[in-house]
Amino acid sequence: MSKVALARCLVETLPSGLSGLFNPWRDHCTHDAAENGPQERLSRLALHLDCDPEFILAGEAPGYAGCRYSGIAFTSERLLGEGAIPRIPAIQNRLSTRRLPFSEPSATIVWKTLYRLGIAERTILWNALQLHPHRPDNLWSNRTPTPSEISLGEPALRVLLEAFPFAKIIAVGKKSEGLLHGMGISTAGSVRHPANGGATEFAAGLEALM
């Protein structure tokens, strides 16, 4: 299966148009820049998947400052503009209508660590739930997904793992670890989420699992 076909297959498992849940690859956001939309995000996802990964890092869910506009987990508009993401040429246009490009601290920490450990080219980033959970009254917000919402991401996660059967899946954060185990998915381990002062522990944990 080509990586374009894989990206489409993953997205086809996910619902769209749900209140409080944004599908980056099928839904349009009122704050999308003119040059960015579902198709552009899907194209970037296909490029991200175009490798033979040794690791799959799985977080909990997309955030408004990252995957909502980039289409890739733990990846911000700023990093894409800097050309910091493997296999994806530096974007020349804006992704959002925000005055300044979004920069997500967790995304910056994750990619910095992947490069330092020499595994940036061999890692795919994903989430247990691939839809961005936000408050219905605030698109630029993040909230904890409900158990029923989390279940919506299980089919795509299983498709991804079937596509890369030899990759080691690593849970990023306790919530992700619990969600993956709840799905009956065996992981190679878990690492501290880099947010809220967890950068050092995240990096050390990932290095130990290598």
N, C-alpha and C. Protein backbone atom coordinates (compact mmCIF):
# COMPACT_ATOMS: atom_id res chain seq x y z
N MET A 1 0.84 -1.20 0.00
CA MET A 1 0.00 0.00 0.00
C MET A 1 0.88 1.25 0.00
N SER A 2 0.59 2.18 -0.89
CA SER A 2 1.35 3.43 -0.90
C SER A 2 1.03 4.23 0.36
N LYS A 3 1.92 5.16 0.69
CA LYS A 3 1.69 5.95 1.90
C LYS A 3 0.53 6.92 1.71
N VAL A 4 0.27 7.34 0.47
CA VAL A 4 -0.91 8.17 0.21
C VAL A 4 -2.17 7.36 0.49
N ALA A 5 -2.17 6.11 0.02
CA ALA A 5 -3.32 5.24 0.25
C ALA A 5 -3.48 4.94 1.73
N LEU A 6 -2.35 4.75 2.44
CA LEU A 6 -2.41 4.49 3.87
C LEU A 6 -3.00 5.68 4.61
N ALA A 7 -2.56 6.88 4.26
CA ALA A 7 -3.10 8.08 4.90
C ALA A 7 -4.61 8.17 4.69
N ARG A 8 -5.04 7.91 3.48
CA ARG A 8 -6.48 7.95 3.19
C ARG A 8 -7.23 6.89 3.96
N CYS A 9 -6.65 5.70 4.05
CA CYS A 9 -7.27 4.60 4.78
C CYS A 9 -7.43 4.95 6.26
N LEU A 10 -6.41 5.56 6.83
CA LEU A 10 -6.48 5.98 8.23
C LEU A 10 -7.60 6.99 8.44
N VAL A 11 -7.65 7.98 7.57
CA VAL A 11 -8.62 9.05 7.72
C VAL A 11 -10.05 8.56 7.49
N GLU A 12 -10.20 7.58 6.62
CA GLU A 12 -11.54 7.06 6.33
C GLU A 12 -12.17 6.37 7.53
N THR A 13 -11.35 5.98 8.50
CA THR A 13 -11.90 5.33 9.70
C THR A 13 -12.46 6.35 10.68
N LEU A 14 -12.16 7.63 10.47
CA LEU A 14 -12.50 8.66 11.45
C LEU A 14 -13.73 9.45 11.04
N PRO A 15 -14.62 9.74 11.99
CA PRO A 15 -15.79 10.57 11.69
C PRO A 15 -15.39 12.03 11.51
N SER A 16 -16.27 12.80 10.93
CA SER A 16 -16.03 14.23 10.78
C SER A 16 -17.31 14.98 11.12
N GLY A 17 -17.16 16.28 11.38
CA GLY A 17 -18.32 17.12 11.63
C GLY A 17 -18.94 16.96 13.00
N LEU A 18 -18.24 16.35 13.96
CA LEU A 18 -18.79 16.16 15.30
C LEU A 18 -18.53 17.38 16.16
N SER A 19 -19.48 17.75 16.97
CA SER A 19 -19.31 18.90 17.86
C SER A 19 -18.22 18.61 18.89
N GLY A 20 -17.28 19.53 19.02
CA GLY A 20 -16.22 19.38 20.00
C GLY A 20 -15.11 18.44 19.59
N LEU A 21 -15.16 17.90 18.36
CA LEU A 21 -14.11 17.01 17.86
C LEU A 21 -13.78 17.42 16.43
N PHE A 22 -12.56 17.85 16.20
CA PHE A 22 -12.15 18.33 14.88
C PHE A 22 -11.30 17.28 14.18
N ASN A 23 -11.69 16.92 12.97
CA ASN A 23 -10.93 15.98 12.15
C ASN A 23 -10.02 16.81 11.23
N PRO A 24 -8.70 16.84 11.50
CA PRO A 24 -7.81 17.71 10.72
C PRO A 24 -7.79 17.41 9.23
N TRP A 25 -8.09 16.16 8.85
CA TRP A 25 -7.94 15.74 7.46
C TRP A 25 -9.26 15.70 6.69
N ARG A 26 -10.36 16.06 7.36
CA ARG A 26 -11.66 16.07 6.68
C ARG A 26 -12.47 17.34 6.97
N ASP A 27 -12.20 17.96 8.11
CA ASP A 27 -12.96 19.15 8.50
C ASP A 27 -12.22 20.42 8.13
N HIS A 28 -12.97 21.48 7.80
CA HIS A 28 -12.40 22.80 7.57
C HIS A 28 -12.53 23.62 8.86
N CYS A 29 -11.50 24.39 9.17
CA CYS A 29 -11.51 25.28 10.33
C CYS A 29 -11.66 26.72 9.86
N THR A 30 -12.43 27.51 10.59
CA THR A 30 -12.62 28.91 10.22
C THR A 30 -11.31 29.69 10.29
N HIS A 31 -10.33 29.14 10.99
CA HIS A 31 -9.03 29.81 11.11
C HIS A 31 -7.98 29.20 10.20
N ASP A 32 -8.38 28.33 9.28
CA ASP A 32 -7.44 27.82 8.28
C ASP A 32 -7.00 28.97 7.37
N ALA A 33 -5.71 29.04 7.08
CA ALA A 33 -5.24 29.97 6.05
C ALA A 33 -5.73 29.48 4.70
N ALA A 34 -5.73 30.36 3.72
CA ALA A 34 -6.25 30.02 2.39
C ALA A 34 -5.51 28.85 1.77
N GLU A 35 -4.22 28.71 2.10
CA GLU A 35 -3.39 27.66 1.49
C GLU A 35 -3.38 26.38 2.31
N ASN A 36 -4.20 26.30 3.36
CA ASN A 36 -4.19 25.13 4.23
C ASN A 36 -5.61 24.65 4.47
N GLY A 37 -5.80 23.35 4.33
CA GLY A 37 -7.10 22.75 4.56
C GLY A 37 -6.95 21.25 4.70
N PRO A 38 -8.06 20.50 4.72
CA PRO A 38 -7.98 19.05 4.90
C PRO A 38 -7.06 18.35 3.91
N GLN A 39 -7.11 18.73 2.63
CA GLN A 39 -6.30 18.04 1.64
C GLN A 39 -4.81 18.30 1.85
N GLU A 40 -4.46 19.52 2.20
CA GLU A 40 -3.05 19.84 2.46
C GLU A 40 -2.55 19.08 3.69
N ARG A 41 -3.39 18.99 4.71
CA ARG A 41 -2.98 18.26 5.91
C ARG A 41 -2.85 16.77 5.61
N LEU A 42 -3.73 16.25 4.78
CA LEU A 42 -3.64 14.83 4.40
C LEU A 42 -2.36 14.56 3.61
N SER A 43 -2.00 15.48 2.74
CA SER A 43 -0.76 15.32 1.96
C SER A 43 0.46 15.30 2.87
N ARG A 44 0.46 16.19 3.88
CA ARG A 44 1.60 16.21 4.82
C ARG A 44 1.64 14.92 5.64
N LEU A 45 0.47 14.41 6.03
CA LEU A 45 0.44 13.15 6.78
C LEU A 45 1.03 12.02 5.95
N ALA A 46 0.68 11.96 4.66
CA ALA A 46 1.22 10.92 3.79
C ALA A 46 2.75 11.01 3.71
N LEU A 47 3.28 12.21 3.62
CA LEU A 47 4.74 12.39 3.59
C LEU A 47 5.37 11.93 4.90
N HIS A 48 4.71 12.24 6.01
CA HIS A 48 5.22 11.84 7.31
C HIS A 48 5.28 10.32 7.44
N LEU A 49 4.29 9.63 6.86
CA LEU A 49 4.22 8.17 6.95
C LEU A 49 5.17 7.47 6.00
N ASP A 50 5.80 8.21 5.09
CA ASP A 50 6.62 7.62 4.04
C ASP A 50 8.01 7.25 4.56
N CYS A 51 8.05 6.24 5.42
CA CYS A 51 9.32 5.75 5.96
C CYS A 51 9.10 4.33 6.47
N ASP A 52 10.18 3.72 6.90
CA ASP A 52 10.11 2.40 7.52
C ASP A 52 10.42 2.60 9.00
N PRO A 53 9.41 2.91 9.82
CA PRO A 53 9.68 3.37 11.18
C PRO A 53 10.15 2.27 12.12
N GLU A 54 11.06 2.66 12.98
CA GLU A 54 11.47 1.78 14.07
C GLU A 54 10.60 2.04 15.30
N PHE A 55 10.11 3.30 15.39
CA PHE A 55 9.30 3.69 16.55
C PHE A 55 8.03 4.41 16.10
N ILE A 56 6.95 4.19 16.85
CA ILE A 56 5.73 4.98 16.75
C ILE A 56 5.47 5.57 18.11
N LEU A 57 5.51 6.89 18.21
CA LEU A 57 5.21 7.57 19.47
C LEU A 57 3.74 7.97 19.46
N ALA A 58 3.00 7.53 20.46
CA ALA A 58 1.56 7.79 20.51
C ALA A 58 1.21 8.65 21.71
N GLY A 59 0.67 9.83 21.42
CA GLY A 59 0.18 10.69 22.48
C GLY A 59 -1.29 10.43 22.74
N GLU A 60 -1.95 11.37 23.42
CA GLU A 60 -3.36 11.19 23.76
C GLU A 60 -4.27 11.65 22.62
N ALA A 61 -4.12 12.93 22.23
CA ALA A 61 -4.99 13.51 21.20
C ALA A 61 -4.32 14.76 20.63
N PRO A 62 -4.71 15.19 19.42
CA PRO A 62 -4.15 16.41 18.83
C PRO A 62 -4.48 17.65 19.67
N GLY A 63 -3.62 18.66 19.54
CA GLY A 63 -3.86 19.94 20.19
C GLY A 63 -4.10 21.04 19.16
N TYR A 64 -4.69 22.14 19.62
CA TYR A 64 -5.02 23.22 18.68
C TYR A 64 -3.79 23.92 18.15
N ALA A 65 -2.68 23.89 18.87
CA ALA A 65 -1.48 24.57 18.41
C ALA A 65 -0.57 23.66 17.59
N GLY A 66 -0.99 22.41 17.41
CA GLY A 66 -0.16 21.46 16.68
C GLY A 66 -0.88 20.82 15.52
N CYS A 67 -1.34 19.59 15.74
CA CYS A 67 -1.90 18.77 14.68
C CYS A 67 -3.16 19.36 14.04
N ARG A 68 -3.89 20.18 14.75
CA ARG A 68 -5.11 20.76 14.18
C ARG A 68 -4.82 21.46 12.86
N TYR A 69 -3.67 22.12 12.78
CA TYR A 69 -3.31 22.84 11.55
C TYR A 69 -2.21 22.16 10.75
N SER A 70 -1.36 21.39 11.42
CA SER A 70 -0.25 20.75 10.70
C SER A 70 -0.66 19.42 10.07
N GLY A 71 -1.59 18.71 10.71
CA GLY A 71 -1.98 17.39 10.23
C GLY A 71 -1.07 16.28 10.70
N ILE A 72 -0.10 16.60 11.57
CA ILE A 72 0.84 15.62 12.09
C ILE A 72 0.93 15.80 13.60
N ALA A 73 0.84 14.70 14.34
CA ALA A 73 0.91 14.76 15.80
C ALA A 73 2.23 15.37 16.26
N PHE A 74 2.17 16.10 17.37
CA PHE A 74 3.36 16.72 17.97
C PHE A 74 4.15 17.55 16.94
N THR A 75 3.45 18.24 16.07
CA THR A 75 4.11 19.04 15.04
C THR A 75 3.37 20.36 14.87
N SER A 76 4.10 21.46 14.98
CA SER A 76 3.48 22.79 14.93
C SER A 76 3.72 23.49 13.60
N GLU A 77 2.95 24.53 13.39
CA GLU A 77 3.10 25.37 12.20
C GLU A 77 4.51 25.96 12.14
N ARG A 78 5.05 26.38 13.27
CA ARG A 78 6.39 26.97 13.28
C ARG A 78 7.45 25.97 12.82
N LEU A 79 7.39 24.74 13.32
CA LEU A 79 8.37 23.73 12.93
C LEU A 79 8.30 23.42 11.43
N LEU A 80 7.09 23.38 10.89
CA LEU A 80 6.95 23.13 9.45
C LEU A 80 7.52 24.30 8.65
N GLY A 81 7.32 25.51 9.14
CA GLY A 81 7.87 26.67 8.45
C GLY A 81 9.38 26.70 8.47
N GLU A 82 9.97 26.12 9.50
CA GLU A 82 11.43 26.08 9.63
C GLU A 82 12.03 24.92 8.85
N GLY A 83 11.18 24.06 8.28
CA GLY A 83 11.69 22.89 7.56
C GLY A 83 12.31 21.86 8.48
N ALA A 84 11.81 21.78 9.72
CA ALA A 84 12.41 20.92 10.73
C ALA A 84 11.87 19.50 10.74
N ILE A 85 10.89 19.19 9.88
CA ILE A 85 10.27 17.88 9.90
C ILE A 85 10.76 17.03 8.74
N PRO A 86 11.30 15.85 9.01
CA PRO A 86 11.82 14.99 7.94
C PRO A 86 10.76 14.71 6.87
N ARG A 87 11.22 14.66 5.64
CA ARG A 87 10.42 14.29 4.47
C ARG A 87 9.41 15.36 4.04
N ILE A 88 9.31 16.46 4.79
CA ILE A 88 8.35 17.50 4.45
C ILE A 88 9.11 18.80 4.15
N PRO A 89 9.06 19.29 2.91
CA PRO A 89 9.75 20.54 2.59
C PRO A 89 9.18 21.69 3.42
N ALA A 90 10.03 22.65 3.73
CA ALA A 90 9.58 23.81 4.51
C ALA A 90 8.40 24.49 3.82
N ILE A 91 7.34 24.72 4.56
CA ILE A 91 6.16 25.36 3.98
C ILE A 91 6.45 26.84 3.74
N GLN A 92 5.94 27.35 2.64
CA GLN A 92 6.17 28.75 2.28
C GLN A 92 4.99 29.63 2.69
N ASN A 93 3.84 29.02 2.96
CA ASN A 93 2.63 29.77 3.29
C ASN A 93 2.20 29.49 4.72
N ARG A 94 1.36 30.34 5.23
CA ARG A 94 0.82 30.17 6.58
C ARG A 94 -0.22 29.06 6.61
N LEU A 95 -0.36 28.43 7.78
CA LEU A 95 -1.36 27.38 7.96
C LEU A 95 -2.60 27.89 8.66
N SER A 96 -2.44 28.92 9.49
CA SER A 96 -3.57 29.46 10.25
C SER A 96 -3.64 30.97 10.06
N THR A 97 -4.76 31.55 10.49
CA THR A 97 -4.93 33.00 10.39
C THR A 97 -4.43 33.71 11.64
N ARG A 98 -3.86 32.98 12.58
CA ARG A 98 -3.29 33.60 13.77
C ARG A 98 -2.19 34.56 13.34
N ARG A 99 -2.03 35.66 14.09
CA ARG A 99 -1.05 36.68 13.70
C ARG A 99 0.35 36.08 13.57
N LEU A 100 0.74 35.25 14.52
CA LEU A 100 2.02 34.56 14.48
C LEU A 100 1.79 33.06 14.33
N PRO A 101 2.69 32.35 13.67
CA PRO A 101 2.53 30.90 13.54
C PRO A 101 2.44 30.22 14.90
N PHE A 102 1.59 29.22 15.00
CA PHE A 102 1.49 28.46 16.24
C PHE A 102 2.80 27.75 16.53
N SER A 103 3.21 27.78 17.80
CA SER A 103 4.35 27.02 18.26
C SER A 103 3.91 26.23 19.49
N GLU A 104 4.02 24.91 19.43
CA GLU A 104 3.58 24.05 20.52
C GLU A 104 4.80 23.56 21.30
N PRO A 105 4.91 23.88 22.58
CA PRO A 105 6.09 23.48 23.35
C PRO A 105 6.37 21.98 23.29
N SER A 106 5.33 21.16 23.42
CA SER A 106 5.54 19.71 23.40
C SER A 106 6.12 19.26 22.06
N ALA A 107 5.63 19.86 20.98
CA ALA A 107 6.13 19.50 19.65
C ALA A 107 7.61 19.83 19.52
N THR A 108 7.99 21.00 20.00
CA THR A 108 9.39 21.41 19.93
C THR A 108 10.29 20.46 20.71
N ILE A 109 9.84 20.06 21.89
CA ILE A 109 10.62 19.15 22.73
C ILE A 109 10.74 17.77 22.07
N VAL A 110 9.64 17.27 21.55
CA VAL A 110 9.64 15.94 20.93
C VAL A 110 10.62 15.88 19.77
N TRP A 111 10.53 16.84 18.84
CA TRP A 111 11.41 16.78 17.67
C TRP A 111 12.86 17.05 18.04
N LYS A 112 13.10 17.93 18.98
CA LYS A 112 14.48 18.18 19.43
C LYS A 112 15.09 16.88 19.98
N THR A 113 14.28 16.13 20.74
CA THR A 113 14.76 14.89 21.32
C THR A 113 15.00 13.83 20.25
N LEU A 114 14.08 13.72 19.29
CA LEU A 114 14.23 12.74 18.23
C LEU A 114 15.51 12.98 17.43
N TYR A 115 15.80 14.24 17.15
CA TYR A 115 17.03 14.56 16.41
C TYR A 115 18.27 14.26 17.26
N ARG A 116 18.21 14.61 18.53
CA ARG A 116 19.38 14.38 19.40
C ARG A 116 19.69 12.89 19.52
N LEU A 117 18.65 12.07 19.53
CA LEU A 117 18.84 10.63 19.66
C LEU A 117 19.09 9.96 18.31
N GLY A 118 18.99 10.72 17.22
CA GLY A 118 19.26 10.18 15.90
C GLY A 118 18.16 9.30 15.35
N ILE A 119 16.92 9.50 15.80
CA ILE A 119 15.82 8.65 15.34
C ILE A 119 14.70 9.45 14.67
N ALA A 120 14.95 10.71 14.34
CA ALA A 120 13.91 11.54 13.73
C ALA A 120 13.42 10.94 12.42
N GLU A 121 14.32 10.36 11.64
CA GLU A 121 13.96 9.79 10.34
C GLU A 121 13.26 8.45 10.48
N ARG A 122 13.32 7.86 11.67
CA ARG A 122 12.79 6.50 11.85
C ARG A 122 11.62 6.47 12.83
N THR A 123 10.98 7.61 13.02
CA THR A 123 9.89 7.69 13.99
C THR A 123 8.64 8.29 13.36
N ILE A 124 7.49 7.69 13.65
CA ILE A 124 6.19 8.22 13.26
C ILE A 124 5.46 8.68 14.51
N LEU A 125 4.80 9.82 14.41
CA LEU A 125 4.06 10.38 15.53
C LEU A 125 2.56 10.22 15.28
N TRP A 126 1.85 9.82 16.32
CA TRP A 126 0.42 9.52 16.19
C TRP A 126 -0.25 9.79 17.54
N ASN A 127 -1.55 9.55 17.62
CA ASN A 127 -2.28 9.72 18.87
C ASN A 127 -3.28 8.59 19.06
N ALA A 128 -3.62 8.31 20.33
CA ALA A 128 -4.63 7.30 20.62
C ALA A 128 -5.97 7.73 20.01
N LEU A 129 -6.32 9.00 20.16
CA LEU A 129 -7.45 9.61 19.47
C LEU A 129 -6.89 10.61 18.48
N GLN A 130 -7.30 10.51 17.23
CA GLN A 130 -6.71 11.39 16.22
C GLN A 130 -7.55 12.63 15.92
N LEU A 131 -8.63 12.81 16.64
CA LEU A 131 -9.47 13.99 16.50
C LEU A 131 -9.13 14.99 17.60
N HIS A 132 -9.14 16.28 17.27
CA HIS A 132 -8.80 17.30 18.26
C HIS A 132 -10.01 17.59 19.15
N PRO A 133 -9.94 17.24 20.45
CA PRO A 133 -11.04 17.53 21.36
C PRO A 133 -10.93 18.96 21.90
N HIS A 134 -11.96 19.76 21.66
CA HIS A 134 -11.95 21.15 22.11
C HIS A 134 -13.31 21.50 22.70
N ARG A 135 -13.36 22.59 23.42
CA ARG A 135 -14.64 23.07 23.93
C ARG A 135 -15.46 23.61 22.75
N PRO A 136 -16.73 23.30 22.68
CA PRO A 136 -17.54 23.76 21.54
C PRO A 136 -17.53 25.27 21.36
N ASP A 137 -17.31 26.00 22.45
CA ASP A 137 -17.34 27.46 22.36
C ASP A 137 -15.97 28.07 22.10
N ASN A 138 -14.91 27.23 21.97
CA ASN A 138 -13.56 27.76 21.79
C ASN A 138 -12.73 26.77 20.97
N LEU A 139 -12.54 27.09 19.68
CA LEU A 139 -11.77 26.21 18.81
C LEU A 139 -10.32 26.11 19.24
N TRP A 140 -9.79 27.18 19.83
CA TRP A 140 -8.40 27.18 20.29
C TRP A 140 -8.35 26.80 21.76
N SER A 141 -8.80 25.60 22.04
CA SER A 141 -8.76 25.04 23.39
C SER A 141 -8.52 23.54 23.27
N ASN A 142 -8.02 22.95 24.35
CA ASN A 142 -7.85 21.51 24.43
C ASN A 142 -8.62 20.98 25.63
N ARG A 143 -9.18 19.82 25.50
CA ARG A 143 -9.86 19.20 26.63
C ARG A 143 -9.59 17.70 26.62
N THR A 144 -9.78 17.05 27.76
CA THR A 144 -9.58 15.61 27.85
C THR A 144 -10.74 14.89 27.16
N PRO A 145 -10.45 14.02 26.22
CA PRO A 145 -11.53 13.29 25.53
C PRO A 145 -12.22 12.30 26.46
N THR A 146 -13.48 12.05 26.20
CA THR A 146 -14.24 11.08 26.98
C THR A 146 -13.89 9.66 26.52
N PRO A 147 -14.19 8.64 27.33
CA PRO A 147 -13.92 7.26 26.91
C PRO A 147 -14.59 6.89 25.59
N SER A 148 -15.82 7.36 25.36
CA SER A 148 -16.49 7.04 24.10
C SER A 148 -15.81 7.73 22.93
N GLU A 149 -15.28 8.94 23.15
CA GLU A 149 -14.55 9.64 22.11
C GLU A 149 -13.24 8.94 21.79
N ILE A 150 -12.56 8.48 22.82
CA ILE A 150 -11.29 7.77 22.62
C ILE A 150 -11.49 6.55 21.73
N SER A 151 -12.60 5.87 21.90
CA SER A 151 -12.86 4.65 21.12
C SER A 151 -12.93 4.95 19.62
N LEU A 152 -13.22 6.19 19.25
CA LEU A 152 -13.29 6.55 17.84
C LEU A 152 -11.93 6.43 17.16
N GLY A 153 -10.86 6.53 17.93
CA GLY A 153 -9.52 6.48 17.35
C GLY A 153 -8.94 5.09 17.23
N GLU A 154 -9.60 4.11 17.82
CA GLU A 154 -9.04 2.75 17.83
C GLU A 154 -8.89 2.15 16.44
N PRO A 155 -9.88 2.26 15.53
CA PRO A 155 -9.71 1.65 14.21
C PRO A 155 -8.49 2.18 13.46
N ALA A 156 -8.27 3.49 13.49
CA ALA A 156 -7.12 4.07 12.78
C ALA A 156 -5.81 3.60 13.40
N LEU A 157 -5.78 3.53 14.71
CA LEU A 157 -4.56 3.08 15.38
C LEU A 157 -4.22 1.65 14.98
N ARG A 158 -5.23 0.82 14.87
CA ARG A 158 -4.98 -0.57 14.49
C ARG A 158 -4.53 -0.67 13.03
N VAL A 159 -5.09 0.16 12.16
CA VAL A 159 -4.65 0.19 10.76
C VAL A 159 -3.18 0.58 10.69
N LEU A 160 -2.79 1.58 11.48
CA LEU A 160 -1.40 2.04 11.48
C LEU A 160 -0.45 0.94 11.95
N LEU A 161 -0.83 0.24 13.01
CA LEU A 161 0.03 -0.81 13.54
C LEU A 161 0.11 -2.00 12.58
N GLU A 162 -0.95 -2.28 11.86
CA GLU A 162 -0.91 -3.35 10.86
C GLU A 162 -0.01 -2.96 9.69
N ALA A 163 0.04 -1.68 9.37
CA ALA A 163 0.88 -1.21 8.26
C ALA A 163 2.36 -1.27 8.62
N PHE A 164 2.66 -1.12 9.92
CA PHE A 164 4.07 -1.13 10.38
C PHE A 164 4.22 -2.14 11.52
N PRO A 165 4.12 -3.43 11.22
CA PRO A 165 4.10 -4.45 12.26
C PRO A 165 5.39 -4.59 13.06
N PHE A 166 6.50 -4.09 12.53
CA PHE A 166 7.77 -4.24 13.24
C PHE A 166 8.16 -3.00 14.04
N ALA A 167 7.36 -1.96 13.97
CA ALA A 167 7.66 -0.74 14.72
C ALA A 167 7.33 -0.93 16.20
N LYS A 168 8.14 -0.33 17.04
CA LYS A 168 7.88 -0.37 18.48
C LYS A 168 7.00 0.83 18.84
N ILE A 169 5.86 0.57 19.46
CA ILE A 169 4.98 1.67 19.83
C ILE A 169 5.27 2.08 21.27
N ILE A 170 5.43 3.37 21.46
CA ILE A 170 5.76 3.93 22.77
C ILE A 170 4.68 4.93 23.16
N ALA A 171 4.13 4.76 24.34
CA ALA A 171 3.10 5.67 24.84
C ALA A 171 3.76 6.92 25.42
N VAL A 172 3.26 8.07 25.02
CA VAL A 172 3.77 9.34 25.55
C VAL A 172 2.77 9.85 26.58
N GLY A 173 3.09 9.65 27.84
CA GLY A 173 2.20 10.08 28.92
C GLY A 173 1.37 8.94 29.48
N LYS A 174 0.98 9.07 30.75
CA LYS A 174 0.22 8.03 31.43
C LYS A 174 -1.16 7.83 30.80
N LYS A 175 -1.78 8.92 30.35
CA LYS A 175 -3.10 8.79 29.73
C LYS A 175 -3.03 7.95 28.47
N SER A 176 -2.02 8.22 27.66
CA SER A 176 -1.86 7.44 26.44
C SER A 176 -1.57 5.98 26.77
N GLU A 177 -0.74 5.76 27.77
CA GLU A 177 -0.41 4.39 28.17
C GLU A 177 -1.68 3.63 28.58
N GLY A 178 -2.51 4.27 29.39
CA GLY A 178 -3.74 3.63 29.83
C GLY A 178 -4.69 3.37 28.68
N LEU A 179 -4.77 4.33 27.76
CA LEU A 179 -5.67 4.17 26.62
C LEU A 179 -5.23 3.02 25.72
N LEU A 180 -3.93 2.92 25.45
CA LEU A 180 -3.41 1.86 24.59
C LEU A 180 -3.60 0.50 25.25
N HIS A 181 -3.31 0.43 26.53
CA HIS A 181 -3.49 -0.84 27.23
C HIS A 181 -4.97 -1.22 27.27
N GLY A 182 -5.83 -0.21 27.41
CA GLY A 182 -7.27 -0.47 27.40
C GLY A 182 -7.75 -1.05 26.08
N MET A 183 -7.03 -0.73 25.00
CA MET A 183 -7.35 -1.27 23.68
C MET A 183 -6.74 -2.65 23.48
N GLY A 184 -5.94 -3.09 24.45
CA GLY A 184 -5.28 -4.37 24.31
C GLY A 184 -4.05 -4.32 23.44
N ILE A 185 -3.47 -3.12 23.30
CA ILE A 185 -2.29 -2.94 22.46
C ILE A 185 -1.03 -2.97 23.32
N SER A 186 -0.13 -3.87 23.01
CA SER A 186 1.12 -3.98 23.75
C SER A 186 2.08 -2.89 23.29
N THR A 187 2.71 -2.24 24.24
CA THR A 187 3.68 -1.19 23.92
C THR A 187 5.09 -1.62 24.32
N ALA A 188 6.07 -0.93 23.76
CA ALA A 188 7.46 -1.18 24.14
C ALA A 188 7.80 -0.44 25.42
N GLY A 189 6.85 0.32 25.94
CA GLY A 189 7.04 1.08 27.16
C GLY A 189 6.34 2.42 27.06
N SER A 190 6.50 3.22 28.10
CA SER A 190 5.91 4.55 28.11
C SER A 190 6.94 5.55 28.62
N VAL A 191 6.76 6.81 28.22
CA VAL A 191 7.66 7.87 28.65
C VAL A 191 6.81 9.02 29.20
N ARG A 192 7.43 9.84 30.00
CA ARG A 192 6.76 11.01 30.56
C ARG A 192 6.37 11.95 29.42
N HIS A 193 5.18 12.54 29.52
CA HIS A 193 4.79 13.55 28.53
C HIS A 193 5.70 14.76 28.71
N PRO A 194 6.16 15.37 27.62
CA PRO A 194 7.11 16.49 27.75
C PRO A 194 6.52 17.77 28.31
N ALA A 195 5.20 17.88 28.35
CA ALA A 195 4.57 19.12 28.84
C ALA A 195 4.75 19.27 30.34
N ASN A 196 4.56 20.50 30.81
CA ASN A 196 4.56 20.81 32.25
C ASN A 196 5.84 20.36 32.95
N GLY A 197 6.97 20.70 32.36
CA GLY A 197 8.25 20.40 33.00
C GLY A 197 8.74 18.99 32.81
N GLY A 198 8.15 18.26 31.87
CA GLY A 198 8.55 16.86 31.70
C GLY A 198 9.58 16.61 30.62
N ALA A 199 10.20 17.67 30.09
CA ALA A 199 11.11 17.51 28.95
C ALA A 199 12.29 16.60 29.26
N THR A 200 12.93 16.80 30.39
CA THR A 200 14.11 16.00 30.73
C THR A 200 13.75 14.54 30.92
N GLU A 201 12.65 14.28 31.65
CA GLU A 201 12.23 12.90 31.87
C GLU A 201 11.78 12.24 30.57
N PHE A 202 11.11 13.00 29.71
CA PHE A 202 10.70 12.47 28.41
C PHE A 202 11.92 12.01 27.62
N ALA A 203 12.93 12.87 27.53
CA ALA A 203 14.13 12.54 26.75
C ALA A 203 14.87 11.34 27.34
N ALA A 204 15.01 11.32 28.66
CA ALA A 204 15.72 10.22 29.32
C ALA A 204 14.95 8.91 29.15
N GLY A 205 13.64 8.98 29.26
CA GLY A 205 12.83 7.77 29.12
C GLY A 205 12.90 7.21 27.72
N LEU A 206 12.86 8.08 26.72
CA LEU A 206 12.92 7.62 25.33
C LEU A 206 14.28 7.02 25.04
N GLU A 207 15.33 7.65 25.53
CA GLU A 207 16.67 7.12 25.31
C GLU A 207 16.83 5.73 25.95
N ALA A 208 16.25 5.56 27.14
CA ALA A 208 16.33 4.27 27.83
C ALA A 208 15.61 3.18 27.04
N LEU A 209 14.49 3.51 26.44
CA LEU A 209 13.73 2.53 25.68
C LEU A 209 14.41 2.14 24.37
N MET A 210 15.28 3.00 23.87
CA MET A 210 16.00 2.68 22.64
C MET A 210 16.97 1.54 22.86
